Amino acid sequence: MSFDAKALKKLADACRKAGITHFKNEHMEFTLSPEPPASNYKKRKASKETEPVVDSAFKSDTLTEEALLLWSVADPNDESVA
């Protein structure tokens, strides 16, 4: 005997509603998890709703004006610069 996907889903939903976790008949046998798996739609929706975590200490990846000035000036103690 063959079952289509819709019929199996209806059977699984009915079993979950009735609190049945294990089903067996002459044609098939299956065990259900306590919670139904999340659908792909719900997974995508959940991933879109989560905001990326931003470190508040991070401001920019560019140098400040003072850092640029210090970086561009040669070290007077460096003897290799002549």
C-alpha atoms as a PDB file:
ATOM      1  CA  MET A   1       0.000   0.000   0.000  1.00  0.00           C
ATOM      2  CA  SER A   2       1.280   3.455  -0.885  1.00  0.00           C
ATOM      3  CA  PHE A   3       0.591   6.733   0.917  1.00  0.00           C
ATOM      4  CA  ASP A   4       1.120  10.146  -0.568  1.00  0.00           C
ATOM      5  CA  ALA A   5       2.903  12.904   1.361  1.00  0.00           C
ATOM      6  CA  LYS A   6      -0.301  14.798   2.164  1.00  0.00           C
ATOM      7  CA  ALA A   7      -1.937  11.731   3.678  1.00  0.00           C
ATOM      8  CA  LEU A   8       1.143  10.992   5.786  1.00  0.00           C
ATOM      9  CA  LYS A   9       1.259  14.580   7.011  1.00  0.00           C
ATOM     10  CA  LYS A  10      -2.425  14.450   7.991  1.00  0.00           C
ATOM     11  CA  LEU A  11      -1.824  11.166   9.824  1.00  0.00           C
ATOM     12  CA  ALA A  12       1.203  12.596  11.662  1.00  0.00           C
ATOM     13  CA  ASP A  13      -0.729  15.747  12.614  1.00  0.00           C
ATOM     14  CA  ALA A  14      -3.653  13.670  13.904  1.00  0.00           C
ATOM     15  CA  CYS A  15      -1.279  11.474  15.917  1.00  0.00           C
ATOM     16  CA  ARG A  16       0.431  14.507  17.475  1.00  0.00           C
ATOM     17  CA  LYS A  17      -2.921  16.068  18.398  1.00  0.00           C
ATOM     18  CA  ALA A  18      -3.979  12.820  20.049  1.00  0.00           C
ATOM     19  CA  GLY A  19      -0.653  12.490  21.876  1.00  0.00           C
ATOM     20  CA  ILE A  20       0.428   9.404  19.924  1.00  0.00           C
ATOM     21  CA  THR A  21       4.197   9.235  19.418  1.00  0.00           C
ATOM     22  CA  HIS A  22       4.449   5.722  17.955  1.00  0.00           C
ATOM     23  CA  PHE A  23       2.164   4.376  15.222  1.00  0.00           C
ATOM     24  CA  LYS A  24       2.122   0.892  13.704  1.00  0.00           C
ATOM     25  CA  ASN A  25      -0.245  -0.878  11.326  1.00  0.00           C
ATOM     26  CA  GLU A  26       0.077  -3.725   8.805  1.00  0.00           C
ATOM     27  CA  HIS A  27       1.580  -1.391   6.162  1.00  0.00           C
ATOM     28  CA  MET A  28       3.944   0.893   8.068  1.00  0.00           C
ATOM     29  CA  GLU A  29       5.391   1.931  11.408  1.00  0.00           C
ATOM     30  CA  PHE A  30       6.750   5.304  12.536  1.00  0.00           C
ATOM     31  CA  THR A  31       7.752   7.202  15.656  1.00  0.00           C
ATOM     32  CA  LEU A  32       7.149  10.934  16.003  1.00  0.00           C
ATOM     33  CA  SER A  33       9.293  13.418  17.862  1.00  0.00           C
ATOM     34  CA  PRO A  34       7.523  15.341  20.666  1.00  0.00           C
ATOM     35  CA  GLU A  35       7.610  18.562  18.636  1.00  0.00           C
ATOM     36  CA  PRO A  36       7.065  18.775  14.881  1.00  0.00           C
ATOM     37  CA  PRO A  37      10.134  19.891  12.925  1.00  0.00           C
ATOM     38  CA  ALA A  38      10.234  23.553  11.926  1.00  0.00           C
ATOM     39  CA  SER A  39       9.222  24.211   8.347  1.00  0.00           C
ATOM     40  CA  ASN A  40      11.644  25.853   5.928  1.00  0.00           C
ATOM     41  CA  TYR A  41       9.361  28.909   5.869  1.00  0.00           C
ATOM     42  CA  LYS A  42       9.585  29.308   9.643  1.00  0.00           C
ATOM     43  CA  LYS A  43      13.375  28.792   9.580  1.00  0.00           C
ATOM     44  CA  ARG A  44      13.806  31.556   6.969  1.00  0.00           C
ATOM     45  CA  LYS A  45      11.469  33.875   8.862  1.00  0.00           C
ATOM     46  CA  ALA A  46      13.328  33.293  12.135  1.00  0.00           C
ATOM     47  CA  SER A  47      16.702  33.939  10.513  1.00  0.00           C
ATOM     48  CA  LYS A  48      15.457  37.233   9.035  1.00  0.00           C
ATOM     49  CA  GLU A  49      14.046  38.383  12.379  1.00  0.00           C
ATOM     50  CA  THR A  50      17.267  37.917  14.294  1.00  0.00           C
ATOM     51  CA  GLU A  51      19.352  41.051  14.277  1.00  0.00           C
ATOM     52  CA  PRO A  52      23.114  40.736  13.941  1.00  0.00           C
ATOM     53  CA  VAL A  53      24.968  41.384  17.172  1.00  0.00           C
ATOM     54  CA  VAL A  54      27.010  44.563  16.893  1.00  0.00           C
ATOM     55  CA  ASP A  55      29.780  45.295  19.346  1.00  0.00           C
ATOM     56  CA  SER A  56      29.132  48.784  20.688  1.00  0.00           C
ATOM     57  CA  ALA A  57      32.869  49.307  21.344  1.00  0.00           C
ATOM     58  CA  PHE A  58      33.599  48.956  17.623  1.00  0.00           C
ATOM     59  CA  LYS A  59      33.182  52.305  15.906  1.00  0.00           C
ATOM     60  CA  SER A  60      35.091  52.223  12.650  1.00  0.00           C
ATOM     61  CA  ASP A  61      37.877  50.444  10.844  1.00  0.00           C
ATOM     62  CA  THR A  62      39.511  53.728   9.838  1.00  0.00           C
ATOM     63  CA  LEU A  63      42.159  55.601  11.776  1.00  0.00           C
ATOM     64  CA  THR A  64      41.319  58.722  13.734  1.00  0.00           C
ATOM     65  CA  GLU A  65      42.822  62.053  12.717  1.00  0.00           C
ATOM     66  CA  GLU A  66      45.364  61.836  15.553  1.00  0.00           C
ATOM     67  CA  ALA A  67      46.333  58.280  14.635  1.00  0.00           C
ATOM     68  CA  LEU A  68      46.805  59.294  10.998  1.00  0.00           C
ATOM     69  CA  LEU A  69      49.109  62.146  12.045  1.00  0.00           C
ATOM     70  CA  LEU A  70      51.183  59.918  14.325  1.00  0.00           C
ATOM     71  CA  TRP A  71      51.346  57.158  11.741  1.00  0.00           C
ATOM     72  CA  SER A  72      52.576  59.508   9.005  1.00  0.00           C
ATOM     73  CA  VAL A  73      55.324  61.101  11.127  1.00  0.00           C
ATOM     74  CA  ALA A  74      58.685  59.352  11.322  1.00  0.00           C
ATOM     75  CA  ASP A  75      59.966  58.284  14.741  1.00  0.00           C
ATOM     76  CA  PRO A  76      62.850  60.635  15.692  1.00  0.00           C
ATOM     77  CA  ASN A  77      64.530  57.798  17.623  1.00  0.00           C
ATOM     78  CA  ASP A  78      64.576  55.523  14.580  1.00  0.00           C
ATOM     79  CA  GLU A  79      68.131  55.590  13.161  1.00  0.00           C
ATOM     80  CA  SER A  80      67.254  53.728   9.962  1.00  0.00           C
ATOM     81  CA  VAL A  81      65.478  56.854   8.652  1.00  0.00           C
ATOM     82  CA  ALA A  82      68.085  59.294   7.485  1.00  0.00           C
END
